[in-house]
């Protein structure tokens, strides 16, 4: 029996100045939908048409020692320019201190055979 593989390619992204909010997330990473298996930049997704994207949130020194954040992501086909509007938002808020906290976003609805790029920013509560 022949089984067709559905692949989606994703490209790691850094927020443009127009999209970024302070503080900017660091240590951006992309994973298979399981949230564990790393996807290299330009790598393929062989599972469901979804990926998990993450970024580390560090406290803004101008705010209190602990601040609550969540990651916002704009994911678009590489043939589509960014609009600086989030397409996906983390469901959970994370409390980030000076050592940081990681926020993750499940990006689903990706179309097999299409390459995507993404950018991320933090949103405060």
Protein backbone atom coordinates (compact mmCIF):
# COMPACT_ATOMS: atom_id res chain seq x y z
CA UNK A 1 0.00 0.00 0.00
CA UNK A 2 1.32 3.41 -0.95
CA UNK A 3 1.08 6.07 1.74
CA UNK A 4 1.52 9.71 0.80
CA UNK A 5 3.49 11.78 3.30
CA UNK A 6 2.18 15.21 4.15
CA UNK A 7 4.99 17.64 4.80
CA UNK A 8 5.02 21.22 5.95
CA UNK A 9 8.26 23.22 6.05
CA UNK A 10 8.75 25.85 8.75
CA UNK A 11 11.30 28.64 9.05
CA UNK A 12 12.36 30.05 12.39
CA UNK A 13 11.49 33.72 12.72
CA UNK A 14 12.43 36.79 14.70
CA UNK A 15 9.95 39.58 15.18
CA UNK A 16 10.23 42.67 13.04
CA UNK A 17 10.41 46.00 14.85
CA UNK A 18 6.77 46.69 13.97
CA UNK A 19 5.65 43.36 15.48
CA UNK A 20 7.94 43.18 18.50
CA UNK A 21 6.89 44.21 21.97
CA UNK A 22 9.19 44.72 24.92
CA UNK A 23 10.63 42.43 26.10
CA UNK A 24 11.38 40.48 22.94
CA UNK A 25 11.20 36.67 23.30
CA UNK A 26 14.51 34.84 23.06
CA UNK A 27 15.55 31.24 22.48
CA UNK A 28 12.87 30.78 19.81
CA UNK A 29 12.36 27.14 18.87
CA UNK A 30 10.07 25.01 16.75
CA UNK A 31 8.88 21.48 17.43
CA UNK A 32 6.64 18.80 15.98
CA UNK A 33 3.10 19.00 17.38
CA UNK A 34 4.25 16.76 20.27
CA UNK A 35 6.18 19.77 21.64
CA UNK A 36 9.31 17.64 22.09
CA UNK A 37 10.76 16.71 18.70
CA UNK A 38 12.83 19.64 17.38
CA UNK A 39 12.35 20.91 13.83
CA UNK A 40 15.45 22.46 12.24
CA UNK A 41 15.10 25.77 10.43
CA UNK A 42 13.60 24.89 7.05
CA UNK A 43 12.81 21.42 8.37
CA UNK A 44 9.82 19.33 7.46
CA UNK A 45 6.84 18.32 9.56
CA UNK A 46 5.83 14.75 8.80
CA UNK A 47 2.97 14.49 11.27
CA UNK A 48 -0.28 16.37 11.47
CA UNK A 49 -0.29 19.81 9.91
CA UNK A 50 0.62 21.50 13.18
CA UNK A 51 3.76 22.65 14.97
CA UNK A 52 4.57 23.89 18.46
CA UNK A 53 6.53 27.14 18.63
CA UNK A 54 8.18 28.43 21.78
CA UNK A 55 10.10 31.38 23.14
CA UNK A 56 11.63 32.29 26.46
CA UNK A 57 10.23 35.31 28.24
CA UNK A 58 12.49 37.31 30.56
CA UNK A 59 11.26 39.97 32.94
CA UNK A 60 11.38 43.57 31.79
CA UNK A 61 13.73 45.34 34.24
CA UNK A 62 11.40 48.37 34.22
CA UNK A 63 8.56 46.25 35.65
CA UNK A 64 8.08 44.38 38.92
CA UNK A 65 10.33 41.36 39.64
CA UNK A 66 7.67 38.97 38.31
CA UNK A 67 5.55 39.82 35.29
CA UNK A 68 3.02 37.67 33.45
CA UNK A 69 3.45 37.13 29.70
CA UNK A 70 2.31 34.94 26.87
CA UNK A 71 3.75 34.34 23.42
CA UNK A 72 1.99 35.64 20.29
CA UNK A 73 3.00 34.27 16.89
CA UNK A 74 2.34 35.29 13.31
CA UNK A 75 2.71 32.27 10.99
CA UNK A 76 2.17 32.68 7.25
CA UNK A 77 3.13 30.90 4.03
CA UNK A 78 6.59 32.11 2.92
CA UNK A 79 4.96 33.62 -0.16
CA UNK A 80 2.85 35.88 2.09
CA UNK A 81 4.36 38.94 3.76
CA UNK A 82 3.91 39.44 7.48
CA UNK A 83 1.11 41.82 8.48
CA UNK A 84 2.39 42.19 12.08
CA UNK A 85 -0.87 40.73 13.39
CA UNK A 86 -0.73 37.58 15.54
CA UNK A 87 -2.33 34.47 14.03
CA UNK A 88 -1.86 32.31 17.15
CA UNK A 89 -1.60 33.09 20.86
CA UNK A 90 -0.45 30.91 23.76
CA UNK A 91 -3.38 29.72 25.83
CA UNK A 92 -1.51 30.01 29.13
CA UNK A 93 0.10 33.02 30.77
CA UNK A 94 3.56 32.43 32.30
CA UNK A 95 5.16 34.27 35.19
CA UNK A 96 8.64 35.33 34.12
CA UNK A 97 11.30 36.45 36.53
CA UNK A 98 14.93 37.33 35.82
CA UNK A 99 15.69 33.69 34.89
CA UNK A 100 12.87 33.61 32.34
CA UNK A 101 9.99 31.27 31.55
CA UNK A 102 9.04 29.47 28.35
CA UNK A 103 5.74 30.07 26.58
CA UNK A 104 4.49 27.74 23.82
CA UNK A 105 1.94 28.08 21.04
CA UNK A 106 0.36 25.27 19.02
CA UNK A 107 0.05 26.40 15.40
CA UNK A 108 -2.42 24.18 13.60
CA UNK A 109 -4.20 24.30 10.27
CA UNK A 110 -0.96 24.24 8.27
CA UNK A 111 -1.43 23.07 4.69
CA UNK A 112 0.70 20.07 3.59
CA UNK A 113 3.23 20.99 0.91
CA UNK A 114 3.34 24.67 1.90
CA UNK A 115 6.39 26.31 3.50
CA UNK A 116 5.77 28.72 6.39
CA UNK A 117 7.72 31.46 8.14
CA UNK A 118 6.90 32.93 11.52
CA UNK A 119 7.71 35.69 13.96
CA UNK A 120 7.01 35.93 17.68
CA UNK A 121 6.44 38.56 20.35
CA UNK A 122 5.48 38.71 24.03
CA UNK A 123 2.24 40.17 25.33
CA UNK A 124 1.90 41.33 28.93
CA UNK A 125 -1.28 40.80 30.90
